[in-house]
PDB file of N, CA and C in Angstrom:
ATOM      1  N   MET A   1      -7.006 -16.369  10.750  1.00  0.00           N
ATOM      2  CA  MET A   1      -6.208 -15.799  10.505  1.00  0.00           C
ATOM      3  C   MET A   1      -6.476 -14.205   9.708  1.00  0.00           C
ATOM      4  N   ALA A   2      -5.870 -13.131  10.732  1.00  0.00           N
ATOM      5  CA  ALA A   2      -6.851 -11.305  10.316  1.00  0.00           C
ATOM      6  C   ALA A   2      -5.548 -11.354   8.657  1.00  0.00           C
ATOM      7  N   GLN A   3      -6.343 -10.254   8.430  1.00  0.00           N
ATOM      8  CA  GLN A   3      -5.922 -10.485   6.515  1.00  0.00           C
ATOM      9  C   GLN A   3      -5.592  -8.508   6.294  1.00  0.00           C
ATOM     10  N   LEU A   4      -5.451  -8.107   5.252  1.00  0.00           N
ATOM     11  CA  LEU A   4      -5.496  -7.138   5.031  1.00  0.00           C
ATOM     12  C   LEU A   4      -6.089  -7.077   3.773  1.00  0.00           C
ATOM     13  N   ASP A   5      -7.355  -5.915   2.961  1.00  0.00           N
ATOM     14  CA  ASP A   5      -7.794  -6.150   1.720  1.00  0.00           C
ATOM     15  C   ASP A   5      -7.321  -4.377   1.665  1.00  0.00           C
ATOM     16  N   VAL A   6      -6.197  -5.012   0.736  1.00  0.00           N
ATOM     17  CA  VAL A   6      -4.955  -3.402  -0.171  1.00  0.00           C
ATOM     18  C   VAL A   6      -6.268  -3.274  -1.461  1.00  0.00           C
ATOM     19  N   GLU A   7      -5.698  -2.112  -1.855  1.00  0.00           N
ATOM     20  CA  GLU A   7      -5.969  -1.500  -2.940  1.00  0.00           C
ATOM     21  C   GLU A   7      -5.315  -0.799  -3.235  1.00  0.00           C
ATOM     22  N   VAL A   8      -4.741  -0.745  -4.275  1.00  0.00           N
ATOM     23  CA  VAL A   8      -3.240   0.741  -4.910  1.00  0.00           C
ATOM     24  C   VAL A   8      -3.703   1.120  -6.108  1.00  0.00           C
ATOM     25  N   VAL A   9      -4.306   2.345  -6.727  1.00  0.00           N
ATOM     26  CA  VAL A   9      -5.146   2.769  -7.568  1.00  0.00           C
ATOM     27  C   VAL A   9      -4.421   3.826  -7.941  1.00  0.00           C
ATOM     28  N   ALA A  10      -3.995   4.646  -8.605  1.00  0.00           N
ATOM     29  CA  ALA A  10      -3.288   5.465  -9.741  1.00  0.00           C
ATOM     30  C   ALA A  10      -4.562   6.664 -10.056  1.00  0.00           C
ATOM     31  N   ALA A  11      -3.853   7.390 -10.143  1.00  0.00           N
ATOM     32  CA  ALA A  11      -5.042   8.877 -11.169  1.00  0.00           C
ATOM     33  C   ALA A  11      -6.054   7.652 -11.948  1.00  0.00           C
ATOM     34  N   ASP A  12      -4.924   7.379 -12.796  1.00  0.00           N
ATOM     35  CA  ASP A  12      -6.086   6.165 -14.127  1.00  0.00           C
ATOM     36  C   ASP A  12      -6.086   4.921 -14.506  1.00  0.00           C
ATOM     37  N   HIS A  13      -5.727   4.414 -13.430  1.00  0.00           N
ATOM     38  CA  HIS A  13      -6.024   2.815 -13.577  1.00  0.00           C
ATOM     39  C   HIS A  13      -5.222   2.311 -12.209  1.00  0.00           C
ATOM     40  N   ALA A  14      -5.964   0.921 -12.282  1.00  0.00           N
ATOM     41  CA  ALA A  14      -5.676   0.147 -11.076  1.00  0.00           C
ATOM     42  C   ALA A  14      -4.560  -0.252 -11.072  1.00  0.00           C
ATOM     43  N   VAL A  15      -3.617  -1.054 -10.004  1.00  0.00           N
ATOM     44  CA  VAL A  15      -2.612  -1.137  -9.948  1.00  0.00           C
ATOM     45  C   VAL A  15      -1.722  -2.503  -9.266  1.00  0.00           C
ATOM     46  N   TRP A  16      -3.053  -2.669  -8.073  1.00  0.00           N
ATOM     47  CA  TRP A  16      -2.666  -3.564  -7.199  1.00  0.00           C
ATOM     48  C   TRP A  16      -3.677  -4.090  -6.634  1.00  0.00           C
ATOM     49  N   SER A  17      -4.812  -5.519  -5.683  1.00  0.00           N
ATOM     50  CA  SER A  17      -5.419  -5.178  -4.899  1.00  0.00           C
ATOM     51  C   SER A  17      -5.534  -6.525  -4.551  1.00  0.00           C
ATOM     52  N   GLY A  18      -5.413  -7.254  -3.760  1.00  0.00           N
ATOM     53  CA  GLY A  18      -6.140  -8.163  -2.835  1.00  0.00           C
ATOM     54  C   GLY A  18      -5.316  -8.269  -1.701  1.00  0.00           C
ATOM     55  N   ALA A  19      -5.870  -9.632  -0.982  1.00  0.00           N
ATOM     56  CA  ALA A  19      -4.939  -9.773   0.742  1.00  0.00           C
ATOM     57  C   ALA A  19      -3.911  -9.665   1.247  1.00  0.00           C
ATOM     58  N   ALA A  20      -3.940  -9.286   1.663  1.00  0.00           N
ATOM     59  CA  ALA A  20      -2.523  -9.073   2.486  1.00  0.00           C
ATOM     60  C   ALA A  20      -2.511  -9.597   3.294  1.00  0.00           C
ATOM     61  N   ARG A  21      -1.233  -9.839   4.342  1.00  0.00           N
ATOM     62  CA  ARG A  21      -0.347  -9.912   5.639  1.00  0.00           C
ATOM     63  C   ARG A  21       0.328  -8.627   6.572  1.00  0.00           C
ATOM     64  N   ARG A  22       0.518  -7.850   5.311  1.00  0.00           N
ATOM     65  CA  ARG A  22       1.280  -6.633   5.278  1.00  0.00           C
ATOM     66  C   ARG A  22       1.835  -5.546   4.440  1.00  0.00           C
ATOM     67  N   VAL A  23       1.871  -3.824   4.570  1.00  0.00           N
ATOM     68  CA  VAL A  23       2.039  -3.089   4.571  1.00  0.00           C
ATOM     69  C   VAL A  23       2.771  -2.276   4.793  1.00  0.00           C
ATOM     70  N   ASN A  24       4.175  -2.113   3.511  1.00  0.00           N
ATOM     71  CA  ASN A  24       4.626  -0.650   4.614  1.00  0.00           C
ATOM     72  C   ASN A  24       4.970   0.104   3.500  1.00  0.00           C
ATOM     73  N   ALA A  25       4.879   1.232   3.607  1.00  0.00           N
ATOM     74  CA  ALA A  25       4.694   2.510   2.820  1.00  0.00           C
ATOM     75  C   ALA A  25       5.955   3.738   3.141  1.00  0.00           C
ATOM     76  N   PHE A  26       5.975   4.919   2.467  1.00  0.00           N
ATOM     77  CA  PHE A  26       7.216   5.718   2.749  1.00  0.00           C
ATOM     78  C   PHE A  26       6.299   6.754   2.819  1.00  0.00           C
ATOM     79  N   THR A  27       6.075   7.918   3.616  1.00  0.00           N
ATOM     80  CA  THR A  27       4.911   8.385   4.273  1.00  0.00           C
ATOM     81  C   THR A  27       6.051   9.423   3.759  1.00  0.00           C
ATOM     82  N   VAL A  28       5.030  11.365   4.429  1.00  0.00           N
ATOM     83  CA  VAL A  28       6.041  12.578   4.085  1.00  0.00           C
ATOM     84  C   VAL A  28       6.656  12.678   5.384  1.00  0.00           C
ATOM     85  N   ASN A  29       5.660  12.016   6.538  1.00  0.00           N
ATOM     86  CA  ASN A  29       6.263  11.759   8.003  1.00  0.00           C
ATOM     87  C   ASN A  29       7.254  10.598   7.875  1.00  0.00           C
ATOM     88  N   GLY A  30       7.683   9.954   6.775  1.00  0.00           N
ATOM     89  CA  GLY A  30       8.163   8.616   7.608  1.00  0.00           C
ATOM     90  C   GLY A  30       7.928   7.612   6.910  1.00  0.00           C
ATOM     91  N   ASP A  31       8.684   5.993   7.408  1.00  0.00           N
ATOM     92  CA  ASP A  31       7.423   5.047   6.728  1.00  0.00           C
ATOM     93  C   ASP A  31       6.799   4.408   7.834  1.00  0.00           C
ATOM     94  N   ILE A  32       6.243   3.409   7.288  1.00  0.00           N
ATOM     95  CA  ILE A  32       4.562   3.111   8.296  1.00  0.00           C
ATOM     96  C   ILE A  32       5.287   1.413   7.264  1.00  0.00           C
ATOM     97  N   GLY A  33       4.232   1.063   8.820  1.00  0.00           N
ATOM     98  CA  GLY A  33       3.953  -0.821   8.245  1.00  0.00           C
ATOM     99  C   GLY A  33       2.709  -0.395   9.430  1.00  0.00           C
ATOM    100  N   VAL A  34       2.151  -1.474   8.216  1.00  0.00           N
ATOM    101  CA  VAL A  34       0.396  -1.760   8.630  1.00  0.00           C
ATOM    102  C   VAL A  34       0.830  -3.487   9.080  1.00  0.00           C
ATOM    103  N   LEU A  35      -0.421  -3.687  10.317  1.00  0.00           N
ATOM    104  CA  LEU A  35      -0.421  -5.516   9.885  1.00  0.00           C
ATOM    105  C   LEU A  35      -1.901  -5.387  10.157  1.00  0.00           C
ATOM    106  N   PRO A  36      -2.625  -6.311  10.164  1.00  0.00           N
ATOM    107  CA  PRO A  36      -4.662  -6.189  10.478  1.00  0.00           C
ATOM    108  C   PRO A  36      -4.014  -6.073  11.955  1.00  0.00           C
ATOM    109  N   GLY A  37      -5.179  -5.620  12.175  1.00  0.00           N
ATOM    110  CA  GLY A  37      -5.556  -4.567  13.810  1.00  0.00           C
ATOM    111  C   GLY A  37      -5.023  -3.216  13.788  1.00  0.00           C
ATOM    112  N   HIS A  38      -4.775  -2.355  12.654  1.00  0.00           N
ATOM    113  CA  HIS A  38      -3.258  -1.526  12.356  1.00  0.00           C
ATOM    114  C   HIS A  38      -5.015   0.114  13.506  1.00  0.00           C
ATOM    115  N   THR A  39      -4.262   1.017  13.662  1.00  0.00           N
ATOM    116  CA  THR A  39      -4.692   1.933  14.644  1.00  0.00           C
ATOM    117  C   THR A  39      -5.740   2.859  13.074  1.00  0.00           C
ATOM    118  N   PRO A  40      -6.803   3.511  12.693  1.00  0.00           N
ATOM    119  CA  PRO A  40      -7.097   4.134  11.650  1.00  0.00           C
ATOM    120  C   PRO A  40      -5.779   5.066  11.815  1.00  0.00           C
ATOM    121  N   VAL A  41      -6.119   5.181  10.136  1.00  0.00           N
ATOM    122  CA  VAL A  41      -4.627   7.049   9.341  1.00  0.00           C
ATOM    123  C   VAL A  41      -4.571   6.902   8.607  1.00  0.00           C
ATOM    124  N   ILE A  42      -4.375   8.181   8.300  1.00  0.00           N
ATOM    125  CA  ILE A  42      -4.443   8.941   6.655  1.00  0.00           C
ATOM    126  C   ILE A  42      -3.237   9.208   7.134  1.00  0.00           C
ATOM    127  N   ALA A  43      -2.574   9.461   5.669  1.00  0.00           N
ATOM    128  CA  ALA A  43      -1.152   9.982   5.662  1.00  0.00           C
ATOM    129  C   ALA A  43      -1.529  10.626   4.396  1.00  0.00           C
ATOM    130  N   LEU A  44       0.292  11.282   4.282  1.00  0.00           N
ATOM    131  CA  LEU A  44       0.427  11.806   2.346  1.00  0.00           C
ATOM    132  C   LEU A  44       1.162  10.935   2.162  1.00  0.00           C
ATOM    133  N   LEU A  45       1.512  10.525   1.411  1.00  0.00           N
ATOM    134  CA  LEU A  45       2.372   9.001   1.031  1.00  0.00           C
ATOM    135  C   LEU A  45       3.032  10.305  -0.324  1.00  0.00           C
ATOM    136  N   ALA A  46       4.440   9.724  -0.180  1.00  0.00           N
ATOM    137  CA  ALA A  46       6.384  10.540  -0.666  1.00  0.00           C
ATOM    138  C   ALA A  46       5.974   9.540  -1.702  1.00  0.00           C
ATOM    139  N   ALA A  47       6.658  10.125  -2.362  1.00  0.00           N
ATOM    140  CA  ALA A  47       7.273   9.501  -3.759  1.00  0.00           C
ATOM    141  C   ALA A  47       7.825   8.119  -2.838  1.00  0.00           C
ATOM    142  N   GLY A  48       7.755   7.288  -3.361  1.00  0.00           N
ATOM    143  CA  GLY A  48       9.037   5.483  -3.310  1.00  0.00           C
ATOM    144  C   GLY A  48       8.502   4.850  -3.618  1.00  0.00           C
ATOM    145  N   ARG A  49       8.861   3.635  -2.779  1.00  0.00           N
ATOM    146  CA  ARG A  49       8.378   2.218  -3.041  1.00  0.00           C
ATOM    147  C   ARG A  49       6.931   2.176  -1.761  1.00  0.00           C
ATOM    148  N   VAL A  50       5.957   0.549  -2.429  1.00  0.00           N
ATOM    149  CA  VAL A  50       5.172   0.008  -1.601  1.00  0.00           C
ATOM    150  C   VAL A  50       5.462  -1.047  -2.396  1.00  0.00           C
ATOM    151  N   GLU A  51       5.325  -1.774  -0.621  1.00  0.00           N
ATOM    152  CA  GLU A  51       5.711  -2.937  -0.712  1.00  0.00           C
ATOM    153  C   GLU A  51       4.507  -3.590   0.086  1.00  0.00           C
ATOM    154  N   VAL A  52       3.712  -4.468  -0.847  1.00  0.00           N
ATOM    155  CA  VAL A  52       3.148  -5.666  -0.235  1.00  0.00           C
ATOM    156  C   VAL A  52       3.381  -7.203  -0.241  1.00  0.00           C
ATOM    157  N   GLN A  53       3.337  -7.817   1.209  1.00  0.00           N
ATOM    158  CA  GLN A  53       3.185  -9.073   1.041  1.00  0.00           C
ATOM    159  C   GLN A  53       1.809  -9.591   1.668  1.00  0.00           C
ATOM    160  N   PRO A  54       1.589  -9.957   0.163  1.00  0.00           N
ATOM    161  CA  PRO A  54       0.257 -11.119  -0.233  1.00  0.00           C
ATOM    162  C   PRO A  54      -0.269 -12.154   0.911  1.00  0.00           C
ATOM    163  N   LEU A  55      -1.189 -12.672   0.872  1.00  0.00           N
ATOM    164  CA  LEU A  55      -1.072 -13.661   1.652  1.00  0.00           C
ATOM    165  C   LEU A  55      -0.475 -15.099   0.735  1.00  0.00           C
ATOM    166  N   GLU A  56      -0.205 -15.306  -0.136  1.00  0.00           N
ATOM    167  CA  GLU A  56       0.436 -16.458  -1.135  1.00  0.00           C
ATOM    168  C   GLU A  56       1.407 -15.592  -1.527  1.00  0.00           C
ATOM    169  N   GLY A  57       2.587 -15.785  -2.392  1.00  0.00           N
ATOM    170  CA  GLY A  57       3.257 -15.176  -3.289  1.00  0.00           C
ATOM    171  C   GLY A  57       4.349 -14.207  -3.028  1.00  0.00           C
ATOM    172  N   PRO A  58       5.641 -13.960  -3.270  1.00  0.00           N
ATOM    173  CA  PRO A  58       6.085 -12.970  -3.741  1.00  0.00           C
ATOM    174  C   PRO A  58       5.384 -11.673  -3.389  1.00  0.00           C
ATOM    175  N   ARG A  59       6.642 -11.261  -2.662  1.00  0.00           N
ATOM    176  CA  ARG A  59       6.187  -9.621  -1.979  1.00  0.00           C
ATOM    177  C   ARG A  59       5.872  -9.131  -3.604  1.00  0.00           C
ATOM    178  N   VAL A  60       5.139  -7.801  -3.117  1.00  0.00           N
ATOM    179  CA  VAL A  60       4.940  -6.891  -4.309  1.00  0.00           C
ATOM    180  C   VAL A  60       5.300  -5.660  -4.234  1.00  0.00           C
ATOM    181  N   HIS A  61       6.247  -5.087  -5.328  1.00  0.00           N
ATOM    182  CA  HIS A  61       6.937  -3.713  -5.036  1.00  0.00           C
ATOM    183  C   HIS A  61       6.476  -2.978  -6.077  1.00  0.00           C
ATOM    184  N   ILE A  62       5.524  -1.011  -5.535  1.00  0.00           N
ATOM    185  CA  ILE A  62       5.259  -0.572  -6.348  1.00  0.00           C
ATOM    186  C   ILE A  62       5.700   0.798  -6.233  1.00  0.00           C
ATOM    187  N   LYS A  63       6.231   0.853  -7.641  1.00  0.00           N
ATOM    188  CA  LYS A  63       6.496   2.787  -7.275  1.00  0.00           C
ATOM    189  C   LYS A  63       5.895   3.911  -7.248  1.00  0.00           C
ATOM    190  N   ALA A  64       5.284   4.235  -6.773  1.00  0.00           N
ATOM    191  CA  ALA A  64       4.332   5.235  -6.169  1.00  0.00           C
ATOM    192  C   ALA A  64       4.909   6.814  -6.300  1.00  0.00           C
ATOM    193  N   ASP A  65       4.371   7.768  -6.774  1.00  0.00           N
ATOM    194  CA  ASP A  65       4.604   8.940  -7.112  1.00  0.00           C
ATOM    195  C   ASP A  65       4.027  10.291  -5.768  1.00  0.00           C
ATOM    196  N   GLY A  66       4.038  10.031  -4.613  1.00  0.00           N
ATOM    197  CA  GLY A  66       2.841  10.326  -3.920  1.00  0.00           C
ATOM    198  C   GLY A  66       1.236  10.453  -4.044  1.00  0.00           C
ATOM    199  N   GLY A  67       0.761  10.900  -3.256  1.00  0.00           N
ATOM    200  CA  GLY A  67      -0.857  10.933  -3.176  1.00  0.00           C
ATOM    201  C   GLY A  67      -1.257  10.342  -1.475  1.00  0.00           C
ATOM    202  N   PHE A  68      -1.984   9.609  -1.170  1.00  0.00           N
ATOM    203  CA  PHE A  68      -2.966   9.360  -0.315  1.00  0.00           C
ATOM    204  C   PHE A  68      -2.838   7.926   0.367  1.00  0.00           C
ATOM    205  N   PHE A  69      -2.449   7.764   1.612  1.00  0.00           N
ATOM    206  CA  PHE A  69      -2.395   6.475   2.187  1.00  0.00           C
ATOM    207  C   PHE A  69      -3.077   6.289   3.841  1.00  0.00           C
ATOM    208  N   SER A  70      -4.121   5.494   3.296  1.00  0.00           N
ATOM    209  CA  SER A  70      -5.411   5.411   4.494  1.00  0.00           C
ATOM    210  C   SER A  70      -5.738   3.938   4.629  1.00  0.00           C
ATOM    211  N   VAL A  71      -6.148   3.397   5.963  1.00  0.00           N
ATOM    212  CA  VAL A  71      -6.313   2.411   6.678  1.00  0.00           C
ATOM    213  C   VAL A  71      -7.241   2.490   8.229  1.00  0.00           C
ATOM    214  N   GLU A  72      -8.002   2.015   7.363  1.00  0.00           N
ATOM    215  CA  GLU A  72      -8.960   1.621   8.622  1.00  0.00           C
ATOM    216  C   GLU A  72     -10.108   0.398   8.240  1.00  0.00           C
ATOM    217  N   ASN A  73     -10.189  -0.290   9.055  1.00  0.00           N
ATOM    218  CA  ASN A  73     -10.976  -1.682   9.393  1.00  0.00           C
ATOM    219  C   ASN A  73     -10.514  -2.421   8.650  1.00  0.00           C
ATOM    220  N   ASN A  74      -8.876  -2.616   8.704  1.00  0.00           N
ATOM    221  CA  ASN A  74      -8.096  -3.923   8.076  1.00  0.00           C
ATOM    222  C   ASN A  74      -8.695  -3.402   6.616  1.00  0.00           C
ATOM    223  N   ARG A  75      -8.180  -2.557   6.107  1.00  0.00           N
ATOM    224  CA  ARG A  75      -8.658  -2.385   4.571  1.00  0.00           C
ATOM    225  C   ARG A  75      -7.684  -0.888   4.126  1.00  0.00           C
ATOM    226  N   VAL A  76      -6.861  -1.407   3.755  1.00  0.00           N
ATOM    227  CA  VAL A  76      -5.310  -0.017   3.652  1.00  0.00           C
ATOM    228  C   VAL A  76      -6.014   0.075   1.494  1.00  0.00           C
ATOM    229  N   THR A  77      -6.562   1.653   1.613  1.00  0.00           N
ATOM    230  CA  THR A  77      -5.981   2.162   0.489  1.00  0.00           C
ATOM    231  C   THR A  77      -5.097   3.082  -0.006  1.00  0.00           C
ATOM    232  N   ILE A  78      -4.564   2.972  -1.081  1.00  0.00           N
ATOM    233  CA  ILE A  78      -3.876   3.759  -1.037  1.00  0.00           C
ATOM    234  C   ILE A  78      -3.937   4.638  -2.738  1.00  0.00           C
ATOM    235  N   VAL A  79      -3.962   5.511  -2.854  1.00  0.00           N
ATOM    236  CA  VAL A  79      -4.991   6.280  -4.090  1.00  0.00           C
ATOM    237  C   VAL A  79      -3.121   6.991  -4.614  1.00  0.00           C
ATOM    238  N   ALA A  80      -2.904   6.848  -5.336  1.00  0.00           N
ATOM    239  CA  ALA A  80      -1.120   7.751  -5.864  1.00  0.00           C
ATOM    240  C   ALA A  80      -1.214   8.665  -7.366  1.00  0.00           C
ATOM    241  N   ASP A  81      -0.560   9.162  -7.071  1.00  0.00           N
ATOM    242  CA  ASP A  81      -0.787  10.013  -7.608  1.00  0.00           C
ATOM    243  C   ASP A  81       0.055   9.959  -9.457  1.00  0.00           C
ATOM    244  N   ASP A  82       1.063   8.914  -9.635  1.00  0.00           N
ATOM    245  CA  ASP A  82       0.676   7.807  -9.686  1.00  0.00           C
ATOM    246  C   ASP A  82       2.107   6.745  -9.601  1.00  0.00           C
ATOM    247  N   ALA A  83       1.994   5.143 -10.108  1.00  0.00           N
ATOM    248  CA  ALA A  83       1.604   4.158  -9.913  1.00  0.00           C
ATOM    249  C   ALA A  83       2.210   2.838 -10.304  1.00  0.00           C
ATOM    250  N   VAL A  84       3.255   2.353 -10.441  1.00  0.00           N
ATOM    251  CA  VAL A  84       3.723   0.999 -10.840  1.00  0.00           C
ATOM    252  C   VAL A  84       3.967  -0.317 -10.492  1.00  0.00           C
ATOM    253  N   VAL A  85       3.928  -1.229 -10.698  1.00  0.00           N
ATOM    254  CA  VAL A  85       3.517  -2.541 -10.040  1.00  0.00           C
ATOM    255  C   VAL A  85       5.463  -2.744 -10.728  1.00  0.00           C
ATOM    256  N   ASP A  86       6.377  -2.627  -9.960  1.00  0.00           N
ATOM    257  CA  ASP A  86       7.914  -2.701 -10.373  1.00  0.00           C
ATOM    258  C   ASP A  86       8.722  -4.078 -10.206  1.00  0.00           C
ATOM    259  N   ALA A  87       8.477  -4.204 -11.305  1.00  0.00           N
ATOM    260  CA  ALA A  87       9.037  -6.100 -11.673  1.00  0.00           C
ATOM    261  C   ALA A  87      10.225  -5.967 -11.229  1.00  0.00           C
ATOM    262  N   THR A  88      10.956  -5.078 -11.452  1.00  0.00           N
ATOM    263  CA  THR A  88      12.614  -5.343 -11.347  1.00  0.00           C
ATOM    264  C   THR A  88      12.905  -5.709  -9.884  1.00  0.00           C
ATOM    265  N   ALA A  89      11.914  -5.083  -9.002  1.00  0.00           N
ATOM    266  CA  ALA A  89      12.651  -5.851  -7.579  1.00  0.00           C
ATOM    267  C   ALA A  89      12.816  -6.857  -6.772  1.00  0.00           C
TER     268      ALA A  89
END
């Protein structure tokens, strides 16, 4: 089964990393959903929620305050100005 290698970092700390089935995020151009095999892309991340569906376990919701979102070779990298895992979601 194909998977995504996801890494979410803020300017001064790591937020979440691991293998995932899917990532959804909000960019300045609208929502983006990424599955394995997605075309390479780089986008400006808008303030909002990033949702990661890990290979196992519940979805991870992250509050991000803008930054960059990139996808290449099943690797998703999110570099946010600030971000935290939202435990209330």
